[in-house]
Amino acid sequence: MTTRTVVITGASDGIGAAAARQLAAAGGHRLILVGRSPEKTREVADETGAEWFTADFAVFDDVRTLATSIAEAVGDDGIHVLANNAGGIFGDRTPTVDGHEKTIQVNHLSPFLLTNLLLPQLRRGSASIVNTSSVAHRLFGRIDVDDLDNRKHFSPNKAYGDAKLANVLFTKSLHARFHDQGLSAVAFHPGVVRSNFAAGSSSVMRVIYRTPLKHLLTISTDKGGETLRWFIDGVPGETWASGEYYDERVHTRRVNPMIEDAALAEALWRRSAELVGIPAS
């Protein structure tokens, strides 16, 4: 069996940690886990035999350091799967040290930056890029590329919906730009997962996660992790289609119509590149 190098962000908790445990139990993977908490990330890494790094996605310098560390760790072996799974919904509009609204930076801009910085390693591994999105992209997303920080119309739900819509548009752009170079990309909604998600949010979503409703309306982290693992283990073109969005494991057409706007996807790519300080081409 050929060992595949799999990088999972947001791996200290929730579906990232669950998928890491499942992949470790199955064998055949070199796991590189990324989390914000050193203690929690180390705990999952010790349990799974994984390598691990920490980074706060609200800090671009952390992401740049992370990309350098991962590139050095994998060397000439490359990366076979990058699972961009870090994210969350937050409270009031909070600027990061980089000057951006926290929701769009953590959920989109930092994964965008990390993926682009790791492109040489991803190309070497003919990688799959798995982006954890959400059904919120359809419910709340309405992106304005000239106001990604939502200075004009902020709410926690809109900020999160925009960020999750950005994940899908990013997936479309990755496919358009790099599929003919051997890369594949997919976005998916893992289900409403029973986790610490929304714990620090002022969004109405917190009602689902902090009350007995969570037992009726959510799924376990293990089940959500199984879906993430399904995409990680999947074969592009056979298990799932590159450039597409899935609701759990179902290729659905119940999507925000903005994801079909190729001009918007290109504009988002260029604006994102400008904001993180990398070339757009």
C-alpha atoms as a PDB file:
ATOM      1  CA  MET A   1       0.000   0.000   0.000  1.00  0.00           C
ATOM      2  CA  THR A   2       1.319   3.431  -0.951  1.00  0.00           C
ATOM      3  CA  THR A   3       1.372   5.827   1.987  1.00  0.00           C
ATOM      4  CA  ARG A   4      -0.568   9.012   1.286  1.00  0.00           C
ATOM      5  CA  THR A   5       0.328  12.278   2.979  1.00  0.00           C
ATOM      6  CA  VAL A   6      -2.826  13.928   4.310  1.00  0.00           C
ATOM      7  CA  VAL A   7      -2.886  17.399   5.858  1.00  0.00           C
ATOM      8  CA  ILE A   8      -5.976  18.247   7.925  1.00  0.00           C
ATOM      9  CA  THR A   9      -6.570  21.703   9.362  1.00  0.00           C
ATOM     10  CA  GLY A  10      -9.034  22.205  12.190  1.00  0.00           C
ATOM     11  CA  ALA A  11      -7.875  18.819  13.452  1.00  0.00           C
ATOM     12  CA  SER A  12      -7.744  19.455  17.191  1.00  0.00           C
ATOM     13  CA  ASP A  13     -11.483  18.938  17.653  1.00  0.00           C
ATOM     14  CA  GLY A  14     -14.732  18.162  15.878  1.00  0.00           C
ATOM     15  CA  ILE A  15     -14.868  16.378  12.543  1.00  0.00           C
ATOM     16  CA  GLY A  16     -11.182  17.037  11.833  1.00  0.00           C
ATOM     17  CA  ALA A  17     -10.114  15.100  14.905  1.00  0.00           C
ATOM     18  CA  ALA A  18     -12.705  12.393  14.209  1.00  0.00           C
ATOM     19  CA  ALA A  19     -11.505  11.941  10.620  1.00  0.00           C
ATOM     20  CA  ALA A  20      -7.885  11.794  11.807  1.00  0.00           C
ATOM     21  CA  ARG A  21      -8.719   8.988  14.249  1.00  0.00           C
ATOM     22  CA  GLN A  22     -10.564   7.055  11.550  1.00  0.00           C
ATOM     23  CA  LEU A  23      -7.750   7.467   9.017  1.00  0.00           C
ATOM     24  CA  ALA A  24      -5.165   6.400  11.589  1.00  0.00           C
ATOM     25  CA  ALA A  25      -7.167   3.273  12.424  1.00  0.00           C
ATOM     26  CA  ALA A  26      -7.386   2.352   8.737  1.00  0.00           C
ATOM     27  CA  GLY A  27      -3.650   2.835   8.138  1.00  0.00           C
ATOM     28  CA  GLY A  28      -1.858   3.788   4.959  1.00  0.00           C
ATOM     29  CA  HIS A  29      -1.698   7.511   5.704  1.00  0.00           C
ATOM     30  CA  ARG A  30       0.942   9.932   6.856  1.00  0.00           C
ATOM     31  CA  LEU A  31      -1.149  12.371   8.851  1.00  0.00           C
ATOM     32  CA  ILE A  32      -0.167  15.989   9.405  1.00  0.00           C
ATOM     33  CA  LEU A  33      -2.609  17.710  11.742  1.00  0.00           C
ATOM     34  CA  VAL A  34      -3.069  21.441  12.231  1.00  0.00           C
ATOM     35  CA  GLY A  35      -4.904  23.063  15.129  1.00  0.00           C
ATOM     36  CA  ARG A  36      -4.986  26.308  17.047  1.00  0.00           C
ATOM     37  CA  SER A  37      -4.589  24.798  20.529  1.00  0.00           C
ATOM     38  CA  PRO A  38      -1.194  23.153  21.171  1.00  0.00           C
ATOM     39  CA  GLU A  39      -2.610  20.992  23.964  1.00  0.00           C
ATOM     40  CA  LYS A  40      -5.604  19.685  22.021  1.00  0.00           C
ATOM     41  CA  THR A  41      -3.686  19.226  18.777  1.00  0.00           C
ATOM     42  CA  ARG A  42      -0.905  17.332  20.551  1.00  0.00           C
ATOM     43  CA  GLU A  43      -3.470  15.089  22.222  1.00  0.00           C
ATOM     44  CA  VAL A  44      -5.049  14.077  18.911  1.00  0.00           C
ATOM     45  CA  ALA A  45      -1.613  13.660  17.308  1.00  0.00           C
ATOM     46  CA  ASP A  46      -0.408  11.408  20.144  1.00  0.00           C
ATOM     47  CA  GLU A  47      -3.552   9.319  19.798  1.00  0.00           C
ATOM     48  CA  THR A  48      -3.191   8.929  16.029  1.00  0.00           C
ATOM     49  CA  GLY A  49       0.597   8.852  15.625  1.00  0.00           C
ATOM     50  CA  ALA A  50       0.397  11.987  13.500  1.00  0.00           C
ATOM     51  CA  GLU A  51       2.762  14.885  13.011  1.00  0.00           C
ATOM     52  CA  TRP A  52       1.298  18.176  14.111  1.00  0.00           C
ATOM     53  CA  PHE A  53       1.627  21.933  13.871  1.00  0.00           C
ATOM     54  CA  THR A  54      -0.253  24.824  15.389  1.00  0.00           C
ATOM     55  CA  ALA A  55      -1.459  27.988  13.705  1.00  0.00           C
ATOM     56  CA  ASP A  56      -4.032  30.646  14.426  1.00  0.00           C
ATOM     57  CA  PHE A  57      -5.844  31.298  11.153  1.00  0.00           C
ATOM     58  CA  ALA A  58      -6.717  34.777  12.409  1.00  0.00           C
ATOM     59  CA  VAL A  59      -3.017  35.624  11.869  1.00  0.00           C
ATOM     60  CA  PHE A  60      -1.590  35.483   8.339  1.00  0.00           C
ATOM     61  CA  ASP A  61       1.984  35.232   9.647  1.00  0.00           C
ATOM     62  CA  ASP A  62       0.994  32.016  11.443  1.00  0.00           C
ATOM     63  CA  VAL A  63      -0.313  30.632   8.151  1.00  0.00           C
ATOM     64  CA  ARG A  64       2.881  31.578   6.302  1.00  0.00           C
ATOM     65  CA  THR A  65       5.004  29.906   8.987  1.00  0.00           C
ATOM     66  CA  LEU A  66       2.740  26.853   8.869  1.00  0.00           C
ATOM     67  CA  ALA A  67       3.125  26.530   5.093  1.00  0.00           C
ATOM     68  CA  THR A  68       6.916  26.682   5.386  1.00  0.00           C
ATOM     69  CA  SER A  69       6.911  24.064   8.161  1.00  0.00           C
ATOM     70  CA  ILE A  70       4.672  21.674   6.221  1.00  0.00           C
ATOM     71  CA  ALA A  71       6.707  22.113   3.019  1.00  0.00           C
ATOM     72  CA  GLU A  72       9.893  21.290   4.915  1.00  0.00           C
ATOM     73  CA  ALA A  73       8.262  18.280   6.581  1.00  0.00           C
ATOM     74  CA  VAL A  74       6.994  16.672   3.368  1.00  0.00           C
ATOM     75  CA  GLY A  75      10.057  17.463   1.262  1.00  0.00           C
ATOM     76  CA  ASP A  76      10.002  15.800  -2.144  1.00  0.00           C
ATOM     77  CA  ASP A  77       7.144  13.469  -1.168  1.00  0.00           C
ATOM     78  CA  GLY A  78       4.494  16.079  -1.780  1.00  0.00           C
ATOM     79  CA  ILE A  79       0.976  16.262  -0.353  1.00  0.00           C
ATOM     80  CA  HIS A  80      -1.757  13.929  -1.568  1.00  0.00           C
ATOM     81  CA  VAL A  81      -4.701  15.498   0.274  1.00  0.00           C
ATOM     82  CA  LEU A  82      -5.141  18.926   1.832  1.00  0.00           C
ATOM     83  CA  ALA A  83      -8.331  19.114   3.902  1.00  0.00           C
ATOM     84  CA  ASN A  84      -9.134  22.776   4.556  1.00  0.00           C
ATOM     85  CA  ASN A  85     -11.375  22.116   7.536  1.00  0.00           C
ATOM     86  CA  ALA A  86     -10.566  24.943   9.973  1.00  0.00           C
ATOM     87  CA  GLY A  87     -13.333  27.472  10.504  1.00  0.00           C
ATOM     88  CA  GLY A  88     -16.174  28.696  12.643  1.00  0.00           C
ATOM     89  CA  ILE A  89     -18.898  31.244  13.186  1.00  0.00           C
ATOM     90  CA  PHE A  90     -18.142  34.057  15.590  1.00  0.00           C
ATOM     91  CA  GLY A  91     -19.833  36.910  17.397  1.00  0.00           C
ATOM     92  CA  ASP A  92     -19.738  40.625  16.809  1.00  0.00           C
ATOM     93  CA  ARG A  93     -17.653  42.007  13.972  1.00  0.00           C
ATOM     94  CA  THR A  94     -14.058  41.588  15.154  1.00  0.00           C
ATOM     95  CA  PRO A  95     -11.000  42.679  13.160  1.00  0.00           C
ATOM     96  CA  THR A  96      -7.944  40.439  13.124  1.00  0.00           C
ATOM     97  CA  VAL A  97      -4.369  41.651  13.529  1.00  0.00           C
ATOM     98  CA  ASP A  98      -4.285  41.720   9.719  1.00  0.00           C
ATOM     99  CA  GLY A  99      -7.239  44.109   9.626  1.00  0.00           C
ATOM    100  CA  HIS A 100      -9.905  41.734   8.292  1.00  0.00           C
ATOM    101  CA  GLU A 101     -13.188  40.578   9.726  1.00  0.00           C
ATOM    102  CA  LYS A 102     -12.415  37.368  11.598  1.00  0.00           C
ATOM    103  CA  THR A 103     -15.012  35.122   9.943  1.00  0.00           C
ATOM    104  CA  ILE A 104     -13.825  35.686   6.372  1.00  0.00           C
ATOM    105  CA  GLN A 105     -10.166  35.448   7.353  1.00  0.00           C
ATOM    106  CA  VAL A 106     -10.394  32.211   9.346  1.00  0.00           C
ATOM    107  CA  ASN A 107     -12.804  30.443   6.994  1.00  0.00           C
ATOM    108  CA  HIS A 108     -11.597  31.668   3.606  1.00  0.00           C
ATOM    109  CA  LEU A 109      -8.600  33.984   3.351  1.00  0.00           C
ATOM    110  CA  SER A 110      -6.250  31.876   5.476  1.00  0.00           C
ATOM    111  CA  PRO A 111      -7.162  28.566   3.760  1.00  0.00           C
ATOM    112  CA  PHE A 112      -6.785  30.381   0.433  1.00  0.00           C
ATOM    113  CA  LEU A 113      -3.319  31.564   1.471  1.00  0.00           C
ATOM    114  CA  LEU A 114      -2.237  28.164   2.826  1.00  0.00           C
ATOM    115  CA  THR A 115      -3.381  26.325  -0.305  1.00  0.00           C
ATOM    116  CA  ASN A 116      -1.574  28.726  -2.609  1.00  0.00           C
ATOM    117  CA  LEU A 117       1.638  28.584  -0.576  1.00  0.00           C
ATOM    118  CA  LEU A 118       1.552  24.773  -0.687  1.00  0.00           C
ATOM    119  CA  LEU A 119       0.876  24.533  -4.439  1.00  0.00           C
ATOM    120  CA  PRO A 120       4.339  23.095  -5.259  1.00  0.00           C
ATOM    121  CA  GLN A 121       3.801  20.253  -2.775  1.00  0.00           C
ATOM    122  CA  LEU A 122       0.192  19.746  -3.886  1.00  0.00           C
ATOM    123  CA  ARG A 123       1.223  19.524  -7.544  1.00  0.00           C
ATOM    124  CA  ARG A 124       3.930  17.009  -6.642  1.00  0.00           C
ATOM    125  CA  GLY A 125       1.323  14.785  -5.014  1.00  0.00           C
ATOM    126  CA  SER A 126      -1.390  15.288  -7.683  1.00  0.00           C
ATOM    127  CA  ALA A 127      -3.444  16.277  -4.698  1.00  0.00           C
ATOM    128  CA  SER A 128      -7.078  16.451  -3.770  1.00  0.00           C
ATOM    129  CA  ILE A 129      -8.098  19.650  -1.978  1.00  0.00           C
ATOM    130  CA  VAL A 130     -11.123  19.070   0.244  1.00  0.00           C
ATOM    131  CA  ASN A 131     -12.857  22.227   1.462  1.00  0.00           C
ATOM    132  CA  THR A 132     -15.318  22.016   4.342  1.00  0.00           C
ATOM    133  CA  SER A 133     -18.172  24.377   3.476  1.00  0.00           C
ATOM    134  CA  SER A 134     -21.722  24.542   4.814  1.00  0.00           C
ATOM    135  CA  VAL A 135     -25.353  24.719   3.740  1.00  0.00           C
ATOM    136  CA  ALA A 136     -25.107  28.245   5.189  1.00  0.00           C
ATOM    137  CA  HIS A 137     -23.598  29.287   1.851  1.00  0.00           C
ATOM    138  CA  ARG A 138     -27.075  28.865   0.361  1.00  0.00           C
ATOM    139  CA  LEU A 139     -29.050  30.261   3.280  1.00  0.00           C
ATOM    140  CA  PHE A 140     -27.042  33.386   4.077  1.00  0.00           C
ATOM    141  CA  GLY A 141     -24.299  33.920   1.481  1.00  0.00           C
ATOM    142  CA  ARG A 142     -24.322  37.026  -0.685  1.00  0.00           C
ATOM    143  CA  ILE A 143     -20.725  37.984  -1.479  1.00  0.00           C
ATOM    144  CA  ASP A 144     -19.592  41.461  -2.403  1.00  0.00           C
ATOM    145  CA  VAL A 145     -15.929  41.122  -3.422  1.00  0.00           C
ATOM    146  CA  ASP A 146     -15.411  44.804  -2.678  1.00  0.00           C
ATOM    147  CA  ASP A 147     -16.672  44.308   0.893  1.00  0.00           C
ATOM    148  CA  LEU A 148     -15.537  40.864   1.989  1.00  0.00           C
ATOM    149  CA  ASP A 149     -15.168  42.218   5.524  1.00  0.00           C
ATOM    150  CA  ASN A 150     -18.877  43.115   5.592  1.00  0.00           C
ATOM    151  CA  ARG A 151     -18.341  46.662   6.769  1.00  0.00           C
ATOM    152  CA  LYS A 152     -21.698  47.656   5.278  1.00  0.00           C
ATOM    153  CA  HIS A 153     -24.018  44.815   6.237  1.00  0.00           C
ATOM    154  CA  PHE A 154     -22.527  42.678   8.994  1.00  0.00           C
ATOM    155  CA  SER A 155     -24.280  39.943  10.895  1.00  0.00           C
ATOM    156  CA  PRO A 156     -22.698  36.712  12.176  1.00  0.00           C
ATOM    157  CA  ASN A 157     -24.907  34.662   9.862  1.00  0.00           C
ATOM    158  CA  LYS A 158     -24.156  36.725   6.760  1.00  0.00           C
ATOM    159  CA  ALA A 159     -20.420  36.734   7.500  1.00  0.00           C
ATOM    160  CA  TYR A 160     -20.449  32.954   7.897  1.00  0.00           C
ATOM    161  CA  GLY A 161     -22.648  32.398   4.837  1.00  0.00           C
ATOM    162  CA  ASP A 162     -20.347  34.591   2.745  1.00  0.00           C
ATOM    163  CA  ALA A 163     -17.281  32.692   3.967  1.00  0.00           C
ATOM    164  CA  LYS A 164     -18.839  29.317   3.203  1.00  0.00           C
ATOM    165  CA  LEU A 165     -19.913  30.587  -0.231  1.00  0.00           C
ATOM    166  CA  ALA A 166     -16.299  31.683  -0.726  1.00  0.00           C
ATOM    167  CA  ASN A 167     -15.214  28.097   0.030  1.00  0.00           C
ATOM    168  CA  VAL A 168     -17.340  26.822  -2.858  1.00  0.00           C
ATOM    169  CA  LEU A 169     -16.225  29.558  -5.257  1.00  0.00           C
ATOM    170  CA  PHE A 170     -12.612  28.809  -4.259  1.00  0.00           C
ATOM    171  CA  THR A 171     -13.234  25.153  -5.094  1.00  0.00           C
ATOM    172  CA  LYS A 172     -14.580  26.126  -8.522  1.00  0.00           C
ATOM    173  CA  SER A 173     -11.517  28.290  -9.172  1.00  0.00           C
ATOM    174  CA  LEU A 174      -9.069  25.598  -8.060  1.00  0.00           C
ATOM    175  CA  HIS A 175     -10.687  23.199 -10.519  1.00  0.00           C
ATOM    176  CA  ALA A 176     -10.664  25.735 -13.355  1.00  0.00           C
ATOM    177  CA  ARG A 177      -7.063  26.773 -12.781  1.00  0.00           C
ATOM    178  CA  PHE A 178      -5.324  23.540 -11.827  1.00  0.00           C
ATOM    179  CA  HIS A 179      -7.330  20.451 -12.764  1.00  0.00           C
ATOM    180  CA  ASP A 180      -5.411  20.078 -16.017  1.00  0.00           C
ATOM    181  CA  GLN A 181      -2.235  20.096 -13.910  1.00  0.00           C
ATOM    182  CA  GLY A 182      -3.398  17.091 -11.891  1.00  0.00           C
ATOM    183  CA  LEU A 183      -5.116  18.781  -8.948  1.00  0.00           C
ATOM    184  CA  SER A 184      -8.729  18.158  -7.914  1.00  0.00           C
ATOM    185  CA  ALA A 185     -10.932  20.100  -5.523  1.00  0.00           C
ATOM    186  CA  VAL A 186     -14.280  19.531  -3.838  1.00  0.00           C
ATOM    187  CA  ALA A 187     -16.441  21.371  -1.306  1.00  0.00           C
ATOM    188  CA  PHE A 188     -18.956  19.754   1.012  1.00  0.00           C
ATOM    189  CA  HIS A 189     -21.400  20.337   3.849  1.00  0.00           C
ATOM    190  CA  PRO A 190     -20.661  17.760   6.576  1.00  0.00           C
ATOM    191  CA  GLY A 191     -24.117  17.981   8.164  1.00  0.00           C
ATOM    192  CA  VAL A 192     -25.083  19.894  11.298  1.00  0.00           C
ATOM    193  CA  VAL A 193     -22.483  18.408  13.599  1.00  0.00           C
ATOM    194  CA  ARG A 194     -22.758  18.203  17.399  1.00  0.00           C
ATOM    195  CA  SER A 195     -19.525  19.948  18.404  1.00  0.00           C
ATOM    196  CA  ASN A 196     -18.089  23.151  19.885  1.00  0.00           C
ATOM    197  CA  PHE A 197     -19.011  24.947  16.682  1.00  0.00           C
ATOM    198  CA  ALA A 198     -20.726  28.310  17.371  1.00  0.00           C
ATOM    199  CA  ALA A 199     -19.782  28.086  21.050  1.00  0.00           C
ATOM    200  CA  GLY A 200     -18.424  31.633  20.992  1.00  0.00           C
ATOM    201  CA  SER A 201     -20.957  33.052  18.563  1.00  0.00           C
ATOM    202  CA  SER A 202     -23.809  35.500  19.017  1.00  0.00           C
ATOM    203  CA  SER A 203     -25.542  33.930  15.997  1.00  0.00           C
ATOM    204  CA  VAL A 204     -28.987  32.385  16.377  1.00  0.00           C
ATOM    205  CA  MET A 205     -27.238  29.130  15.400  1.00  0.00           C
ATOM    206  CA  ARG A 206     -25.967  28.909  18.965  1.00  0.00           C
ATOM    207  CA  VAL A 207     -29.505  27.903  20.018  1.00  0.00           C
ATOM    208  CA  ILE A 208     -29.059  24.628  18.160  1.00  0.00           C
ATOM    209  CA  TYR A 209     -25.733  23.899  19.815  1.00  0.00           C
ATOM    210  CA  ARG A 210     -26.412  25.067  23.391  1.00  0.00           C
ATOM    211  CA  THR A 211     -29.895  23.668  24.042  1.00  0.00           C
ATOM    212  CA  PRO A 212     -31.538  20.212  23.985  1.00  0.00           C
ATOM    213  CA  LEU A 213     -32.344  20.904  20.315  1.00  0.00           C
ATOM    214  CA  LYS A 214     -28.826  19.728  19.516  1.00  0.00           C
ATOM    215  CA  HIS A 215     -29.869  16.133  20.227  1.00  0.00           C
ATOM    216  CA  LEU A 216     -32.659  16.361  17.635  1.00  0.00           C
ATOM    217  CA  LEU A 217     -31.063  18.479  14.930  1.00  0.00           C
ATOM    218  CA  THR A 218     -27.406  17.480  14.882  1.00  0.00           C
ATOM    219  CA  ILE A 219     -25.249  14.486  14.051  1.00  0.00           C
ATOM    220  CA  SER A 220     -22.251  13.171  15.962  1.00  0.00           C
ATOM    221  CA  THR A 221     -18.713  14.332  15.282  1.00  0.00           C
ATOM    222  CA  ASP A 222     -17.870  10.750  14.332  1.00  0.00           C
ATOM    223  CA  LYS A 223     -20.535  10.761  11.615  1.00  0.00           C
ATOM    224  CA  GLY A 224     -19.366  14.137  10.339  1.00  0.00           C
ATOM    225  CA  GLY A 225     -15.806  12.838  10.449  1.00  0.00           C
ATOM    226  CA  GLU A 226     -16.832   9.834   8.369  1.00  0.00           C
ATOM    227  CA  THR A 227     -18.012  12.190   5.645  1.00  0.00           C
ATOM    228  CA  LEU A 228     -14.780  14.186   5.725  1.00  0.00           C
ATOM    229  CA  ARG A 229     -12.852  10.913   5.585  1.00  0.00           C
ATOM    230  CA  TRP A 230     -14.985   9.772   2.605  1.00  0.00           C
ATOM    231  CA  PHE A 231     -13.793  12.777   0.607  1.00  0.00           C
ATOM    232  CA  ILE A 232     -10.192  12.387   1.794  1.00  0.00           C
ATOM    233  CA  ASP A 233     -10.115   8.718   0.789  1.00  0.00           C
ATOM    234  CA  GLY A 234     -12.160   9.252  -2.355  1.00  0.00           C
ATOM    235  CA  VAL A 235     -10.873   9.088  -5.914  1.00  0.00           C
ATOM    236  CA  PRO A 236     -11.638  12.238  -7.923  1.00  0.00           C
ATOM    237  CA  GLY A 237     -13.683  11.395 -10.979  1.00  0.00           C
ATOM    238  CA  GLU A 238     -14.922   8.185  -9.361  1.00  0.00           C
ATOM    239  CA  THR A 239     -15.986   8.896  -5.779  1.00  0.00           C
ATOM    240  CA  TRP A 240     -16.669  12.587  -6.285  1.00  0.00           C
ATOM    241  CA  ALA A 241     -16.489  15.136  -9.095  1.00  0.00           C
ATOM    242  CA  SER A 242     -13.830  17.826  -9.002  1.00  0.00           C
ATOM    243  CA  GLY A 243     -15.059  21.409  -8.835  1.00  0.00           C
ATOM    244  CA  GLU A 244     -18.406  20.461  -7.310  1.00  0.00           C
ATOM    245  CA  TYR A 245     -20.298  20.936  -4.030  1.00  0.00           C
ATOM    246  CA  TYR A 246     -21.840  18.087  -2.019  1.00  0.00           C
ATOM    247  CA  ASP A 247     -24.425  18.071   0.755  1.00  0.00           C
ATOM    248  CA  GLU A 248     -22.819  15.417   2.922  1.00  0.00           C
ATOM    249  CA  ARG A 249     -22.101  12.775   0.229  1.00  0.00           C
ATOM    250  CA  VAL A 250     -24.830  13.843  -2.199  1.00  0.00           C
ATOM    251  CA  HIS A 251     -23.993  15.924  -5.261  1.00  0.00           C
ATOM    252  CA  THR A 252     -26.791  18.440  -4.922  1.00  0.00           C
ATOM    253  CA  ARG A 253     -28.184  21.205  -7.091  1.00  0.00           C
ATOM    254  CA  ARG A 254     -29.698  22.946  -4.046  1.00  0.00           C
ATOM    255  CA  VAL A 255     -27.009  25.594  -4.012  1.00  0.00           C
ATOM    256  CA  ASN A 256     -26.592  29.337  -3.987  1.00  0.00           C
ATOM    257  CA  PRO A 257     -26.824  30.362  -7.678  1.00  0.00           C
ATOM    258  CA  MET A 258     -23.795  32.619  -7.150  1.00  0.00           C
ATOM    259  CA  ILE A 259     -21.519  29.555  -7.215  1.00  0.00           C
ATOM    260  CA  GLU A 260     -22.188  29.207 -10.958  1.00  0.00           C
ATOM    261  CA  ASP A 261     -20.909  32.742 -11.642  1.00  0.00           C
ATOM    262  CA  ALA A 262     -17.452  32.172 -13.148  1.00  0.00           C
ATOM    263  CA  ALA A 263     -16.740  35.908 -13.261  1.00  0.00           C
ATOM    264  CA  LEU A 264     -17.506  36.186  -9.537  1.00  0.00           C
ATOM    265  CA  ALA A 265     -15.222  33.237  -8.774  1.00  0.00           C
ATOM    266  CA  GLU A 266     -12.402  34.883 -10.704  1.00  0.00           C
ATOM    267  CA  ALA A 267     -13.020  38.248  -9.036  1.00  0.00           C
ATOM    268  CA  LEU A 268     -13.004  36.595  -5.611  1.00  0.00           C
ATOM    269  CA  TRP A 269      -9.712  34.844  -6.409  1.00  0.00           C
ATOM    270  CA  ARG A 270      -8.070  38.103  -7.454  1.00  0.00           C
ATOM    271  CA  ARG A 271      -9.415  40.054  -4.482  1.00  0.00           C
ATOM    272  CA  SER A 272      -8.375  37.291  -2.077  1.00  0.00           C
ATOM    273  CA  ALA A 273      -4.882  37.193  -3.557  1.00  0.00           C
ATOM    274  CA  GLU A 274      -4.620  40.957  -3.121  1.00  0.00           C
ATOM    275  CA  LEU A 275      -5.738  40.781   0.513  1.00  0.00           C
ATOM    276  CA  VAL A 276      -3.298  37.997   1.490  1.00  0.00           C
ATOM    277  CA  GLY A 277      -0.423  39.480  -0.506  1.00  0.00           C
ATOM    278  CA  ILE A 278       0.257  36.902  -3.211  1.00  0.00           C
ATOM    279  CA  PRO A 279       0.173  37.130  -7.035  1.00  0.00           C
ATOM    280  CA  ALA A 280      -3.275  36.579  -8.528  1.00  0.00           C
ATOM    281  CA  SER A 281      -2.014  34.496 -11.470  1.00  0.00           C
END
